[in-house]
Amino acid sequence: KDKTATSFFWTGVTGSIAMTATGIWFWEPMIATDWLIMGCLCITGVTGHWLLIRCYEVAEASAVQPFAYLQLVFASIIGISVFGEDVRINVAIGAALIVAAGLFTFWRERQKS
């Protein structure tokens, strides 16, 4: 029932406190190019987190969650094409099972309406 800004604020504050308390002991200075990459990471991370919270504010989780399973597909594609990883058969079967369960839930919820 919270607004997007409330959830976004508290997750950000809690995360920054926890990571500062943990990370301060492992801090290393960054070179100039790392600051640019870190800035891009922060902007995309904040935008993605905001949009995810906003999405759950305006839509039912059962309607949105099946699309979140596409992360498995995209992560696999990036892993294979960028990092040259192999997807083992048991991982592919498990991912397909998870995606199928999500799609089944989405279909079942639409049948009830």
PDB file of N, CA and C in Angstrom:
ATOM      1  N   LYS A   1       0.810  -1.200   0.000  1.00  0.00           N
ATOM      2  CA  LYS A   1       0.000   0.000   0.000  1.00  0.00           C
ATOM      3  C   LYS A   1       0.850   1.261   0.000  1.00  0.00           C
ATOM      4  N   ASP A   2       2.156   1.101   0.176  1.00  0.00           N
ATOM      5  CA  ASP A   2       3.041   2.268   0.137  1.00  0.00           C
ATOM      6  C   ASP A   2       3.179   2.778  -1.284  1.00  0.00           C
ATOM      7  N   LYS A   3       3.483   4.045  -1.395  1.00  0.00           N
ATOM      8  CA  LYS A   3       3.776   4.640  -2.690  1.00  0.00           C
ATOM      9  C   LYS A   3       5.173   4.227  -3.133  1.00  0.00           C
ATOM     10  N   THR A   4       5.440   4.398  -4.415  1.00  0.00           N
ATOM     11  CA  THR A   4       6.728   4.031  -4.980  1.00  0.00           C
ATOM     12  C   THR A   4       7.867   4.756  -4.273  1.00  0.00           C
ATOM     13  N   ALA A   5       7.693   6.045  -4.028  1.00  0.00           N
ATOM     14  CA  ALA A   5       8.756   6.835  -3.411  1.00  0.00           C
ATOM     15  C   ALA A   5       9.101   6.328  -2.011  1.00  0.00           C
ATOM     16  N   THR A   6       8.107   5.893  -1.256  1.00  0.00           N
ATOM     17  CA  THR A   6       8.358   5.387   0.099  1.00  0.00           C
ATOM     18  C   THR A   6       9.192   4.113   0.051  1.00  0.00           C
ATOM     19  N   SER A   7       8.784   3.167  -0.747  1.00  0.00           N
ATOM     20  CA  SER A   7       9.537   1.914  -0.876  1.00  0.00           C
ATOM     21  C   SER A   7      10.936   2.169  -1.415  1.00  0.00           C
ATOM     22  N   PHE A   8      11.031   3.034  -2.405  1.00  0.00           N
ATOM     23  CA  PHE A   8      12.310   3.346  -3.021  1.00  0.00           C
ATOM     24  C   PHE A   8      13.247   3.987  -2.006  1.00  0.00           C
ATOM     25  N   PHE A   9      12.724   4.905  -1.208  1.00  0.00           N
ATOM     26  CA  PHE A   9      13.533   5.586  -0.202  1.00  0.00           C
ATOM     27  C   PHE A   9      14.068   4.611   0.837  1.00  0.00           C
ATOM     28  N   TRP A  10      13.182   3.800   1.410  1.00  0.00           N
ATOM     29  CA  TRP A  10      13.611   2.931   2.501  1.00  0.00           C
ATOM     30  C   TRP A  10      14.522   1.808   2.046  1.00  0.00           C
ATOM     31  N   THR A  11      14.314   1.268   0.852  1.00  0.00           N
ATOM     32  CA  THR A  11      15.249   0.254   0.374  1.00  0.00           C
ATOM     33  C   THR A  11      16.616   0.870   0.090  1.00  0.00           C
ATOM     34  N   GLY A  12      16.617   2.088  -0.421  1.00  0.00           N
ATOM     35  CA  GLY A  12      17.881   2.779  -0.677  1.00  0.00           C
ATOM     36  C   GLY A  12      18.639   3.108   0.598  1.00  0.00           C
ATOM     37  N   VAL A  13      17.943   3.631   1.597  1.00  0.00           N
ATOM     38  CA  VAL A  13      18.580   3.983   2.870  1.00  0.00           C
ATOM     39  C   VAL A  13      19.107   2.735   3.569  1.00  0.00           C
ATOM     40  N   THR A  14      18.272   1.706   3.643  1.00  0.00           N
ATOM     41  CA  THR A  14      18.690   0.472   4.305  1.00  0.00           C
ATOM     42  C   THR A  14      19.884  -0.156   3.586  1.00  0.00           C
ATOM     43  N   GLY A  15      19.810  -0.220   2.268  1.00  0.00           N
ATOM     44  CA  GLY A  15      20.914  -0.793   1.492  1.00  0.00           C
ATOM     45  C   GLY A  15      22.197   0.004   1.638  1.00  0.00           C
ATOM     46  N   SER A  16      22.111   1.332   1.614  1.00  0.00           N
ATOM     47  CA  SER A  16      23.329   2.136   1.721  1.00  0.00           C
ATOM     48  C   SER A  16      23.956   2.026   3.107  1.00  0.00           C
ATOM     49  N   ILE A  17      23.147   1.960   4.139  1.00  0.00           N
ATOM     50  CA  ILE A  17      23.692   1.782   5.495  1.00  0.00           C
ATOM     51  C   ILE A  17      24.366   0.419   5.624  1.00  0.00           C
ATOM     52  N   ALA A  18      23.689  -0.621   5.158  1.00  0.00           N
ATOM     53  CA  ALA A  18      24.256  -1.973   5.263  1.00  0.00           C
ATOM     54  C   ALA A  18      25.540  -2.109   4.449  1.00  0.00           C
ATOM     55  N   MET A  19      25.547  -1.585   3.223  1.00  0.00           N
ATOM     56  CA  MET A  19      26.731  -1.715   2.380  1.00  0.00           C
ATOM     57  C   MET A  19      27.878  -0.835   2.867  1.00  0.00           C
ATOM     58  N   THR A  20      27.570   0.328   3.433  1.00  0.00           N
ATOM     59  CA  THR A  20      28.632   1.168   3.988  1.00  0.00           C
ATOM     60  C   THR A  20      29.274   0.487   5.186  1.00  0.00           C
ATOM     61  N   ALA A  21      28.442  -0.060   6.067  1.00  0.00           N
ATOM     62  CA  ALA A  21      28.977  -0.745   7.246  1.00  0.00           C
ATOM     63  C   ALA A  21      29.833  -1.948   6.858  1.00  0.00           C
ATOM     64  N   THR A  22      29.460  -2.619   5.792  1.00  0.00           N
ATOM     65  CA  THR A  22      30.216  -3.787   5.342  1.00  0.00           C
ATOM     66  C   THR A  22      31.404  -3.388   4.475  1.00  0.00           C
ATOM     67  N   GLY A  23      31.181  -2.499   3.531  1.00  0.00           N
ATOM     68  CA  GLY A  23      32.188  -2.189   2.520  1.00  0.00           C
ATOM     69  C   GLY A  23      33.287  -1.251   2.948  1.00  0.00           C
ATOM     70  N   ILE A  24      33.085  -0.496   4.019  1.00  0.00           N
ATOM     71  CA  ILE A  24      34.094   0.473   4.434  1.00  0.00           C
ATOM     72  C   ILE A  24      35.430  -0.201   4.739  1.00  0.00           C
ATOM     73  N   TRP A  25      35.390  -1.448   5.152  1.00  0.00           N
ATOM     74  CA  TRP A  25      36.606  -2.176   5.509  1.00  0.00           C
ATOM     75  C   TRP A  25      37.344  -2.681   4.277  1.00  0.00           C
ATOM     76  N   PHE A  26      36.698  -2.654   3.126  1.00  0.00           N
ATOM     77  CA  PHE A  26      37.307  -3.186   1.908  1.00  0.00           C
ATOM     78  C   PHE A  26      37.467  -2.108   0.835  1.00  0.00           C
ATOM     79  N   TRP A  27      37.356  -0.847   1.210  1.00  0.00           N
ATOM     80  CA  TRP A  27      37.389   0.254   0.248  1.00  0.00           C
ATOM     81  C   TRP A  27      38.741   0.333  -0.449  1.00  0.00           C
ATOM     82  N   GLU A  28      38.681   0.523  -1.765  1.00  0.00           N
ATOM     83  CA  GLU A  28      39.869   0.779  -2.569  1.00  0.00           C
ATOM     84  C   GLU A  28      39.552   1.935  -3.493  1.00  0.00           C
ATOM     85  N   PRO A  29      40.488   2.857  -3.691  1.00  0.00           N
ATOM     86  CA  PRO A  29      40.227   3.992  -4.586  1.00  0.00           C
ATOM     87  C   PRO A  29      39.973   3.515  -6.020  1.00  0.00           C
ATOM     88  N   MET A  30      39.135   4.267  -6.726  1.00  0.00           N
ATOM     89  CA  MET A  30      38.817   3.911  -8.103  1.00  0.00           C
ATOM     90  C   MET A  30      39.581   4.825  -9.058  1.00  0.00           C
ATOM     91  N   ILE A  31      39.917   4.295 -10.226  1.00  0.00           N
ATOM     92  CA  ILE A  31      40.548   5.113 -11.261  1.00  0.00           C
ATOM     93  C   ILE A  31      39.458   5.872 -11.999  1.00  0.00           C
ATOM     94  N   ALA A  32      39.847   6.843 -12.800  1.00  0.00           N
ATOM     95  CA  ALA A  32      38.890   7.744 -13.454  1.00  0.00           C
ATOM     96  C   ALA A  32      37.866   7.007 -14.311  1.00  0.00           C
ATOM     97  N   THR A  33      38.296   6.021 -15.083  1.00  0.00           N
ATOM     98  CA  THR A  33      37.338   5.316 -15.940  1.00  0.00           C
ATOM     99  C   THR A  33      36.337   4.512 -15.128  1.00  0.00           C
ATOM    100  N   ASP A  34      36.742   4.068 -13.950  1.00  0.00           N
ATOM    101  CA  ASP A  34      35.805   3.342 -13.088  1.00  0.00           C
ATOM    102  C   ASP A  34      34.678   4.233 -12.590  1.00  0.00           C
ATOM    103  N   TRP A  35      34.961   5.518 -12.395  1.00  0.00           N
ATOM    104  CA  TRP A  35      33.908   6.443 -11.950  1.00  0.00           C
ATOM    105  C   TRP A  35      32.819   6.563 -13.013  1.00  0.00           C
ATOM    106  N   LEU A  36      33.214   6.590 -14.274  1.00  0.00           N
ATOM    107  CA  LEU A  36      32.226   6.659 -15.359  1.00  0.00           C
ATOM    108  C   LEU A  36      31.365   5.397 -15.384  1.00  0.00           C
ATOM    109  N   ILE A  37      32.009   4.251 -15.279  1.00  0.00           N
ATOM    110  CA  ILE A  37      31.272   2.982 -15.267  1.00  0.00           C
ATOM    111  C   ILE A  37      30.374   2.906 -14.044  1.00  0.00           C
ATOM    112  N   MET A  38      30.875   3.350 -12.891  1.00  0.00           N
ATOM    113  CA  MET A  38      30.074   3.337 -11.669  1.00  0.00           C
ATOM    114  C   MET A  38      28.880   4.282 -11.787  1.00  0.00           C
ATOM    115  N   GLY A  39      29.077   5.430 -12.423  1.00  0.00           N
ATOM    116  CA  GLY A  39      27.964   6.352 -12.642  1.00  0.00           C
ATOM    117  C   GLY A  39      26.881   5.733 -13.512  1.00  0.00           C
ATOM    118  N   CYS A  40      27.293   5.063 -14.583  1.00  0.00           N
ATOM    119  CA  CYS A  40      26.322   4.382 -15.450  1.00  0.00           C
ATOM    120  C   CYS A  40      25.606   3.269 -14.700  1.00  0.00           C
ATOM    121  N   LEU A  41      26.356   2.519 -13.896  1.00  0.00           N
ATOM    122  CA  LEU A  41      25.761   1.458 -13.094  1.00  0.00           C
ATOM    123  C   LEU A  41      24.730   2.014 -12.125  1.00  0.00           C
ATOM    124  N   CYS A  42      25.059   3.131 -11.481  1.00  0.00           N
ATOM    125  CA  CYS A  42      24.119   3.749 -10.535  1.00  0.00           C
ATOM    126  C   CYS A  42      22.853   4.233 -11.233  1.00  0.00           C
ATOM    127  N   ILE A  43      23.008   4.874 -12.367  1.00  0.00           N
ATOM    128  CA  ILE A  43      21.836   5.393 -13.085  1.00  0.00           C
ATOM    129  C   ILE A  43      20.938   4.254 -13.554  1.00  0.00           C
ATOM    130  N   THR A  44      21.512   3.220 -14.140  1.00  0.00           N
ATOM    131  CA  THR A  44      20.683   2.106 -14.609  1.00  0.00           C
ATOM    132  C   THR A  44      20.086   1.328 -13.441  1.00  0.00           C
ATOM    133  N   GLY A  45      20.837   1.192 -12.355  1.00  0.00           N
ATOM    134  CA  GLY A  45      20.318   0.495 -11.178  1.00  0.00           C
ATOM    135  C   GLY A  45      19.156   1.230 -10.534  1.00  0.00           C
ATOM    136  N   VAL A  46      19.310   2.539 -10.365  1.00  0.00           N
ATOM    137  CA  VAL A  46      18.242   3.351  -9.772  1.00  0.00           C
ATOM    138  C   VAL A  46      17.004   3.328 -10.664  1.00  0.00           C
ATOM    139  N   THR A  47      17.213   3.489 -11.963  1.00  0.00           N
ATOM    140  CA  THR A  47      16.081   3.484 -12.885  1.00  0.00           C
ATOM    141  C   THR A  47      15.357   2.137 -12.875  1.00  0.00           C
ATOM    142  N   GLY A  48      16.104   1.063 -12.939  1.00  0.00           N
ATOM    143  CA  GLY A  48      15.491  -0.270 -12.914  1.00  0.00           C
ATOM    144  C   GLY A  48      14.744  -0.541 -11.626  1.00  0.00           C
ATOM    145  N   HIS A  49      15.329  -0.164 -10.495  1.00  0.00           N
ATOM    146  CA  HIS A  49      14.680  -0.397  -9.208  1.00  0.00           C
ATOM    147  C   HIS A  49      13.409   0.435  -9.083  1.00  0.00           C
ATOM    148  N   TRP A  50      13.478   1.691  -9.500  1.00  0.00           N
ATOM    149  CA  TRP A  50      12.302   2.559  -9.452  1.00  0.00           C
ATOM    150  C   TRP A  50      11.174   1.980 -10.314  1.00  0.00           C
ATOM    151  N   LEU A  51      11.508   1.566 -11.529  1.00  0.00           N
ATOM    152  CA  LEU A  51      10.493   1.035 -12.431  1.00  0.00           C
ATOM    153  C   LEU A  51       9.897  -0.274 -11.911  1.00  0.00           C
ATOM    154  N   LEU A  52      10.719  -1.113 -11.285  1.00  0.00           N
ATOM    155  CA  LEU A  52      10.209  -2.356 -10.713  1.00  0.00           C
ATOM    156  C   LEU A  52       9.219  -2.074  -9.587  1.00  0.00           C
ATOM    157  N   ILE A  53       9.572  -1.166  -8.693  1.00  0.00           N
ATOM    158  CA  ILE A  53       8.667  -0.816  -7.594  1.00  0.00           C
ATOM    159  C   ILE A  53       7.390  -0.187  -8.147  1.00  0.00           C
ATOM    160  N   ARG A  54       7.539   0.689  -9.114  1.00  0.00           N
ATOM    161  CA  ARG A  54       6.370   1.346  -9.727  1.00  0.00           C
ATOM    162  C   ARG A  54       5.467   0.317 -10.406  1.00  0.00           C
ATOM    163  N   CYS A  55       6.070  -0.646 -11.061  1.00  0.00           N
ATOM    164  CA  CYS A  55       5.311  -1.687 -11.739  1.00  0.00           C
ATOM    165  C   CYS A  55       4.442  -2.460 -10.750  1.00  0.00           C
ATOM    166  N   TYR A  56       5.030  -2.831  -9.611  1.00  0.00           N
ATOM    167  CA  TYR A  56       4.265  -3.576  -8.609  1.00  0.00           C
ATOM    168  C   TYR A  56       3.225  -2.700  -7.920  1.00  0.00           C
ATOM    169  N   GLU A  57       3.381  -1.382  -8.024  1.00  0.00           N
ATOM    170  CA  GLU A  57       2.370  -0.481  -7.465  1.00  0.00           C
ATOM    171  C   GLU A  57       1.117  -0.433  -8.338  1.00  0.00           C
ATOM    172  N   VAL A  58       1.296  -0.509  -9.639  1.00  0.00           N
ATOM    173  CA  VAL A  58       0.163  -0.340 -10.541  1.00  0.00           C
ATOM    174  C   VAL A  58      -0.400  -1.645 -11.087  1.00  0.00           C
ATOM    175  N   ALA A  59       0.301  -2.758 -10.887  1.00  0.00           N
ATOM    176  CA  ALA A  59      -0.175  -4.036 -11.431  1.00  0.00           C
ATOM    177  C   ALA A  59      -0.070  -5.128 -10.377  1.00  0.00           C
ATOM    178  N   GLU A  60      -0.852  -6.161 -10.558  1.00  0.00           N
ATOM    179  CA  GLU A  60      -0.803  -7.321  -9.672  1.00  0.00           C
ATOM    180  C   GLU A  60       0.496  -8.094  -9.895  1.00  0.00           C
ATOM    181  N   ALA A  61       1.061  -8.586  -8.818  1.00  0.00           N
ATOM    182  CA  ALA A  61       2.312  -9.337  -8.920  1.00  0.00           C
ATOM    183  C   ALA A  61       2.149 -10.574  -9.795  1.00  0.00           C
ATOM    184  N   SER A  62       1.002 -11.214  -9.736  1.00  0.00           N
ATOM    185  CA  SER A  62       0.793 -12.421 -10.537  1.00  0.00           C
ATOM    186  C   SER A  62       0.791 -12.119 -12.031  1.00  0.00           C
ATOM    187  N   ALA A  63       0.475 -10.879 -12.407  1.00  0.00           N
ATOM    188  CA  ALA A  63       0.500 -10.509 -13.819  1.00  0.00           C
ATOM    189  C   ALA A  63       1.892 -10.077 -14.266  1.00  0.00           C
ATOM    190  N   VAL A  64       2.685  -9.572 -13.346  1.00  0.00           N
ATOM    191  CA  VAL A  64       3.998  -9.028 -13.682  1.00  0.00           C
ATOM    192  C   VAL A  64       5.106 -10.068 -13.573  1.00  0.00           C
ATOM    193  N   GLN A  65       5.017 -10.929 -12.590  1.00  0.00           N
ATOM    194  CA  GLN A  65       6.110 -11.847 -12.290  1.00  0.00           C
ATOM    195  C   GLN A  65       6.528 -12.749 -13.448  1.00  0.00           C
ATOM    196  N   PRO A  66       5.618 -13.271 -14.261  1.00  0.00           N
ATOM    197  CA  PRO A  66       6.084 -14.094 -15.386  1.00  0.00           C
ATOM    198  C   PRO A  66       7.064 -13.375 -16.300  1.00  0.00           C
ATOM    199  N   PHE A  67       6.919 -12.071 -16.441  1.00  0.00           N
ATOM    200  CA  PHE A  67       7.854 -11.320 -17.282  1.00  0.00           C
ATOM    201  C   PHE A  67       9.215 -11.189 -16.612  1.00  0.00           C
ATOM    202  N   ALA A  68       9.243 -11.219 -15.288  1.00  0.00           N
ATOM    203  CA  ALA A  68      10.521 -11.161 -14.572  1.00  0.00           C
ATOM    204  C   ALA A  68      11.352 -12.405 -14.848  1.00  0.00           C
ATOM    205  N   TYR A  69      10.706 -13.509 -15.164  1.00  0.00           N
ATOM    206  CA  TYR A  69      11.440 -14.728 -15.464  1.00  0.00           C
ATOM    207  C   TYR A  69      12.247 -14.613 -16.744  1.00  0.00           C
ATOM    208  N   LEU A  70      11.948 -13.611 -17.553  1.00  0.00           N
ATOM    209  CA  LEU A  70      12.742 -13.394 -18.760  1.00  0.00           C
ATOM    210  C   LEU A  70      14.180 -13.027 -18.417  1.00  0.00           C
ATOM    211  N   GLN A  71      14.425 -12.633 -17.162  1.00  0.00           N
ATOM    212  CA  GLN A  71      15.796 -12.368 -16.732  1.00  0.00           C
ATOM    213  C   GLN A  71      16.663 -13.608 -16.933  1.00  0.00           C
ATOM    214  N   LEU A  72      16.090 -14.775 -16.707  1.00  0.00           N
ATOM    215  CA  LEU A  72      16.835 -16.020 -16.930  1.00  0.00           C
ATOM    216  C   LEU A  72      17.280 -16.136 -18.377  1.00  0.00           C
ATOM    217  N   VAL A  73      16.382 -15.805 -19.283  1.00  0.00           N
ATOM    218  CA  VAL A  73      16.692 -15.895 -20.710  1.00  0.00           C
ATOM    219  C   VAL A  73      17.774 -14.890 -21.082  1.00  0.00           C
ATOM    220  N   PHE A  74      17.584 -13.635 -20.648  1.00  0.00           N
ATOM    221  CA  PHE A  74      18.548 -12.596 -21.008  1.00  0.00           C
ATOM    222  C   PHE A  74      19.913 -12.846 -20.367  1.00  0.00           C
ATOM    223  N   ALA A  75      19.934 -13.298 -19.118  1.00  0.00           N
ATOM    224  CA  ALA A  75      21.205 -13.598 -18.461  1.00  0.00           C
ATOM    225  C   ALA A  75      21.915 -14.746 -19.167  1.00  0.00           C
ATOM    226  N   SER A  76      21.157 -15.730 -19.628  1.00  0.00           N
ATOM    227  CA  SER A  76      21.757 -16.844 -20.367  1.00  0.00           C
ATOM    228  C   SER A  76      22.335 -16.370 -21.691  1.00  0.00           C
ATOM    229  N   ILE A  77      21.594 -15.530 -22.394  1.00  0.00           N
ATOM    230  CA  ILE A  77      22.079 -15.010 -23.681  1.00  0.00           C
ATOM    231  C   ILE A  77      23.355 -14.201 -23.487  1.00  0.00           C
ATOM    232  N   ILE A  78      23.385 -13.342 -22.465  1.00  0.00           N
ATOM    233  CA  ILE A  78      24.586 -12.551 -22.197  1.00  0.00           C
ATOM    234  C   ILE A  78      25.740 -13.461 -21.793  1.00  0.00           C
ATOM    235  N   GLY A  79      25.470 -14.437 -20.947  1.00  0.00           N
ATOM    236  CA  GLY A  79      26.520 -15.357 -20.519  1.00  0.00           C
ATOM    237  C   GLY A  79      27.122 -16.128 -21.673  1.00  0.00           C
ATOM    238  N   ILE A  80      26.277 -16.569 -22.586  1.00  0.00           N
ATOM    239  CA  ILE A  80      26.754 -17.347 -23.734  1.00  0.00           C
ATOM    240  C   ILE A  80      27.484 -16.454 -24.733  1.00  0.00           C
ATOM    241  N   SER A  81      26.881 -15.321 -25.095  1.00  0.00           N
ATOM    242  CA  SER A  81      27.448 -14.496 -26.158  1.00  0.00           C
ATOM    243  C   SER A  81      28.623 -13.627 -25.700  1.00  0.00           C
ATOM    244  N   VAL A  82      28.566 -13.099 -24.481  1.00  0.00           N
ATOM    245  CA  VAL A  82      29.627 -12.197 -24.028  1.00  0.00           C
ATOM    246  C   VAL A  82      30.743 -12.943 -23.304  1.00  0.00           C
ATOM    247  N   PHE A  83      30.368 -13.871 -22.432  1.00  0.00           N
ATOM    248  CA  PHE A  83      31.360 -14.532 -21.597  1.00  0.00           C
ATOM    249  C   PHE A  83      31.720 -15.935 -22.051  1.00  0.00           C
ATOM    250  N   GLY A  84      31.083 -16.440 -23.103  1.00  0.00           N
ATOM    251  CA  GLY A  84      31.415 -17.740 -23.643  1.00  0.00           C
ATOM    252  C   GLY A  84      31.070 -18.903 -22.722  1.00  0.00           C
ATOM    253  N   GLU A  85      30.075 -18.728 -21.891  1.00  0.00           N
ATOM    254  CA  GLU A  85      29.674 -19.797 -20.973  1.00  0.00           C
ATOM    255  C   GLU A  85      28.828 -20.841 -21.692  1.00  0.00           C
ATOM    256  N   ASP A  86      28.752 -22.009 -21.094  1.00  0.00           N
ATOM    257  CA  ASP A  86      27.901 -23.078 -21.591  1.00  0.00           C
ATOM    258  C   ASP A  86      26.735 -23.260 -20.629  1.00  0.00           C
ATOM    259  N   VAL A  87      25.561 -23.510 -21.172  1.00  0.00           N
ATOM    260  CA  VAL A  87      24.397 -23.798 -20.340  1.00  0.00           C
ATOM    261  C   VAL A  87      24.221 -25.308 -20.306  1.00  0.00           C
ATOM    262  N   ARG A  88      24.352 -25.871 -19.118  1.00  0.00           N
ATOM    263  CA  ARG A  88      24.190 -27.315 -18.979  1.00  0.00           C
ATOM    264  C   ARG A  88      22.716 -27.688 -19.089  1.00  0.00           C
ATOM    265  N   ILE A  89      22.462 -28.910 -19.441  1.00  0.00           N
ATOM    266  CA  ILE A  89      21.098 -29.372 -19.694  1.00  0.00           C
ATOM    267  C   ILE A  89      20.229 -29.267 -18.441  1.00  0.00           C
ATOM    268  N   ASN A  90      20.781 -29.569 -17.270  1.00  0.00           N
ATOM    269  CA  ASN A  90      19.974 -29.480 -16.054  1.00  0.00           C
ATOM    270  C   ASN A  90      19.595 -28.032 -15.743  1.00  0.00           C
ATOM    271  N   VAL A  91      20.455 -27.076 -16.072  1.00  0.00           N
ATOM    272  CA  VAL A  91      20.134 -25.663 -15.871  1.00  0.00           C
ATOM    273  C   VAL A  91      19.043 -25.231 -16.853  1.00  0.00           C
ATOM    274  N   ALA A  92      19.149 -25.657 -18.098  1.00  0.00           N
ATOM    275  CA  ALA A  92      18.141 -25.310 -19.108  1.00  0.00           C
ATOM    276  C   ALA A  92      16.781 -25.894 -18.741  1.00  0.00           C
ATOM    277  N   ILE A  93      16.763 -27.136 -18.274  1.00  0.00           N
ATOM    278  CA  ILE A  93      15.493 -27.759 -17.879  1.00  0.00           C
ATOM    279  C   ILE A  93      14.895 -27.035 -16.676  1.00  0.00           C
ATOM    280  N   GLY A  94      15.723 -26.703 -15.692  1.00  0.00           N
ATOM    281  CA  GLY A  94      15.245 -25.984 -14.515  1.00  0.00           C
ATOM    282  C   GLY A  94      14.696 -24.612 -14.865  1.00  0.00           C
ATOM    283  N   ALA A  95      15.400 -23.896 -15.729  1.00  0.00           N
ATOM    284  CA  ALA A  95      14.932 -22.575 -16.152  1.00  0.00           C
ATOM    285  C   ALA A  95      13.622 -22.683 -16.921  1.00  0.00           C
ATOM    286  N   ALA A  96      13.520 -23.669 -17.790  1.00  0.00           N
ATOM    287  CA  ALA A  96      12.275 -23.863 -18.548  1.00  0.00           C
ATOM    288  C   ALA A  96      11.123 -24.202 -17.617  1.00  0.00           C
ATOM    289  N   LEU A  97      11.384 -24.996 -16.598  1.00  0.00           N
ATOM    290  CA  LEU A  97      10.352 -25.349 -15.627  1.00  0.00           C
ATOM    291  C   LEU A  97       9.872 -24.112 -14.858  1.00  0.00           C
ATOM    292  N   ILE A  98      10.806 -23.267 -14.449  1.00  0.00           N
ATOM    293  CA  ILE A  98      10.440 -22.042 -13.728  1.00  0.00           C
ATOM    294  C   ILE A  98       9.624 -21.112 -14.613  1.00  0.00           C
ATOM    295  N   VAL A  99      10.067 -20.912 -15.834  1.00  0.00           N
ATOM    296  CA  VAL A  99       9.336 -20.047 -16.761  1.00  0.00           C
ATOM    297  C   VAL A  99       7.954 -20.625 -17.056  1.00  0.00           C
ATOM    298  N   ALA A 100       7.863 -21.924 -17.265  1.00  0.00           N
ATOM    299  CA  ALA A 100       6.568 -22.559 -17.539  1.00  0.00           C
ATOM    300  C   ALA A 100       5.625 -22.402 -16.350  1.00  0.00           C
ATOM    301  N   ALA A 101       6.134 -22.549 -15.128  1.00  0.00           N
ATOM    302  CA  ALA A 101       5.290 -22.374 -13.947  1.00  0.00           C
ATOM    303  C   ALA A 101       4.777 -20.949 -13.848  1.00  0.00           C
ATOM    304  N   GLY A 102       5.628 -19.985 -14.145  1.00  0.00           N
ATOM    305  CA  GLY A 102       5.198 -18.587 -14.129  1.00  0.00           C
ATOM    306  C   GLY A 102       4.150 -18.302 -15.182  1.00  0.00           C
ATOM    307  N   LEU A 103       4.348 -18.823 -16.378  1.00  0.00           N
ATOM    308  CA  LEU A 103       3.369 -18.623 -17.445  1.00  0.00           C
ATOM    309  C   LEU A 103       2.050 -19.328 -17.139  1.00  0.00           C
ATOM    310  N   PHE A 104       2.129 -20.501 -16.514  1.00  0.00           N
ATOM    311  CA  PHE A 104       0.913 -21.203 -16.118  1.00  0.00           C
ATOM    312  C   PHE A 104       0.141 -20.388 -15.084  1.00  0.00           C
ATOM    313  N   THR A 105       0.853 -19.811 -14.113  1.00  0.00           N
ATOM    314  CA  THR A 105       0.197 -18.976 -13.103  1.00  0.00           C
ATOM    315  C   THR A 105      -0.462 -17.769 -13.756  1.00  0.00           C
ATOM    316  N   PHE A 106       0.238 -17.152 -14.693  1.00  0.00           N
ATOM    317  CA  PHE A 106      -0.319 -16.011 -15.418  1.00  0.00           C
ATOM    318  C   PHE A 106      -1.581 -16.428 -16.163  1.00  0.00           C
ATOM    319  N   TRP A 107      -1.555 -17.552 -16.846  1.00  0.00           N
ATOM    320  CA  TRP A 107      -2.707 -18.042 -17.602  1.00  0.00           C
ATOM    321  C   TRP A 107      -3.871 -18.367 -16.664  1.00  0.00           C
ATOM    322  N   ARG A 108      -3.582 -19.027 -15.536  1.00  0.00           N
ATOM    323  CA  ARG A 108      -4.620 -19.399 -14.583  1.00  0.00           C
ATOM    324  C   ARG A 108      -5.299 -18.176 -13.981  1.00  0.00           C
ATOM    325  N   GLU A 109      -4.514 -17.142 -13.655  1.00  0.00           N
ATOM    326  CA  GLU A 109      -5.101 -15.918 -13.099  1.00  0.00           C
ATOM    327  C   GLU A 109      -5.996 -15.229 -14.123  1.00  0.00           C
ATOM    328  N   ARG A 110      -5.633 -15.315 -15.389  1.00  0.00           N
ATOM    329  CA  ARG A 110      -6.470 -14.698 -16.439  1.00  0.00           C
ATOM    330  C   ARG A 110      -7.768 -15.485 -16.618  1.00  0.00           C
ATOM    331  N   GLN A 111      -7.758 -16.791 -16.377  1.00  0.00           N
ATOM    332  CA  GLN A 111      -8.957 -17.613 -16.504  1.00  0.00           C
ATOM    333  C   GLN A 111      -9.978 -17.288 -15.412  1.00  0.00           C
ATOM    334  N   LYS A 112      -9.505 -16.894 -14.231  1.00  0.00           N
ATOM    335  CA  LYS A 112     -10.390 -16.570 -13.121  1.00  0.00           C
ATOM    336  C   LYS A 112     -11.127 -15.267 -13.336  1.00  0.00           C
ATOM    337  N   SER A 113     -10.543 -14.364 -14.107  1.00  0.00           N
ATOM    338  CA  SER A 113     -11.147 -13.035 -14.312  1.00  0.00           C
ATOM    339  C   SER A 113     -12.342 -13.056 -15.212  1.00  0.00           C
TER     340      SER A 113
END
